[in-house]
Structure formats: structure tokens, C-alpha cells
Amino acid sequence: MDRERLKYLFREVLGVDVDQVVKKVVATIAVERAKQAQEHSRTWKQYMGAEGGLVVLPSNVTRLGRKDLRK
């Protein structure tokens, strides 16, 4: 069955709007990730304070995601 047909059957037989359920799930996940990021930021701030406010990361970590400019 194709996607639209399944969505139609869910709506007509079970009374469930699949698109609304997906939106709610995605929103819930986004909120939980935002809470986790806030908590991680708070934890990181406490760690940085305990370490004197300076943490030196190795170059392989600081270059993650950057393009290689040496070419």
C-alpha cells in the first residue's frame, strides 16, 4: 500500500491523523533535545569553572567539520 492510502485508512478506521501524531512526536523530541542541550551547557559551564575556565582541546577535535585549507 502506498503512504497516502495508509494515512487515509488510519484516519477513517481508527480516527487517527498520522500527520498530527508525527508533528507531536517531532515537537516532543525537539523539546527534549533542547532540555538536554541546556543541561549539558550547564554541566559544561560548571566543569569549565572547576578547571579554571580554560580547557585545551587537541587539534583533531577543534578542526572537526572544517575544510582542509592546506590543499
Protein backbone atom coordinates (compact mmCIF):
# COMPACT_ATOMS: atom_id res chain seq x y z
CA MET A 1 0.00 0.00 0.00
CA ASP A 2 1.18 3.49 -0.61
CA ARG A 3 1.67 6.08 2.09
CA GLU A 4 -1.41 8.17 1.33
CA ARG A 5 -3.65 5.10 1.37
CA LEU A 6 -2.32 4.04 4.78
CA LYS A 7 -2.83 7.54 6.16
CA TYR A 8 -6.40 7.50 4.82
CA LEU A 9 -7.10 4.13 6.44
CA PHE A 10 -5.70 5.25 9.81
CA ARG A 11 -7.85 8.37 9.68
CA GLU A 12 -11.07 6.62 8.59
CA VAL A 13 -10.81 3.38 10.58
CA LEU A 14 -9.03 4.45 13.75
CA GLY A 15 -9.74 8.16 13.71
CA VAL A 16 -6.02 8.93 13.94
CA ASP A 17 -4.42 11.69 11.90
CA VAL A 18 -0.95 10.34 11.24
CA ASP A 19 0.45 13.75 10.25
CA GLN A 20 -0.65 15.28 13.58
CA VAL A 21 0.89 12.39 15.52
CA VAL A 22 4.18 12.79 13.66
CA LYS A 23 4.21 16.55 14.33
CA LYS A 24 3.63 15.97 18.04
CA VAL A 25 6.39 13.35 18.23
CA VAL A 26 8.86 15.58 16.38
CA ALA A 27 7.98 18.54 18.63
CA THR A 28 8.40 16.40 21.75
CA ILE A 29 11.80 15.17 20.58
CA ALA A 30 12.90 18.74 19.79
CA VAL A 31 11.87 19.92 23.27
CA GLU A 32 13.71 17.03 24.94
CA ARG A 33 16.86 17.71 22.92
CA ALA A 34 16.70 21.39 23.85
CA LYS A 35 16.42 20.44 27.53
CA GLN A 36 19.38 18.09 27.19
CA ALA A 37 21.46 20.75 25.44
CA GLN A 38 20.65 23.23 28.19
CA GLU A 39 21.63 20.71 30.87
CA HIS A 40 24.85 19.83 29.03
CA SER A 41 25.68 23.54 28.74
CA ARG A 42 25.12 24.00 32.46
CA THR A 43 27.28 20.97 33.25
CA TRP A 44 29.99 22.18 30.88
CA LYS A 45 29.96 25.63 32.49
CA GLN A 46 30.41 24.06 35.93
CA TYR A 47 33.25 21.89 34.61
CA MET A 48 34.95 24.88 32.99
CA GLY A 49 34.66 26.82 36.24
CA ALA A 50 36.21 23.97 38.21
CA GLU A 51 39.08 23.71 35.70
CA GLY A 52 39.88 27.39 35.90
CA GLY A 53 37.84 28.41 32.87
CA LEU A 54 40.23 27.09 30.23
CA VAL A 55 40.24 23.71 28.57
CA VAL A 56 42.69 23.00 25.76
CA LEU A 57 41.32 20.63 23.16
CA PRO A 58 43.52 18.68 20.76
CA SER A 59 43.67 19.96 17.19
CA ASN A 60 41.85 16.94 15.78
CA VAL A 61 38.83 17.96 17.89
CA THR A 62 38.96 21.68 17.11
CA ARG A 63 39.20 21.01 13.35
CA LEU A 64 36.12 18.77 13.19
CA GLY A 65 33.81 19.82 10.38
CA ARG A 66 36.24 22.32 8.87
CA LYS A 67 37.50 22.14 5.33
CA ASP A 68 41.17 21.37 4.84
CA LEU A 69 42.71 24.68 3.78
CA ARG A 70 46.18 23.24 3.09
CA LYS A 71 45.30 21.89 -0.34
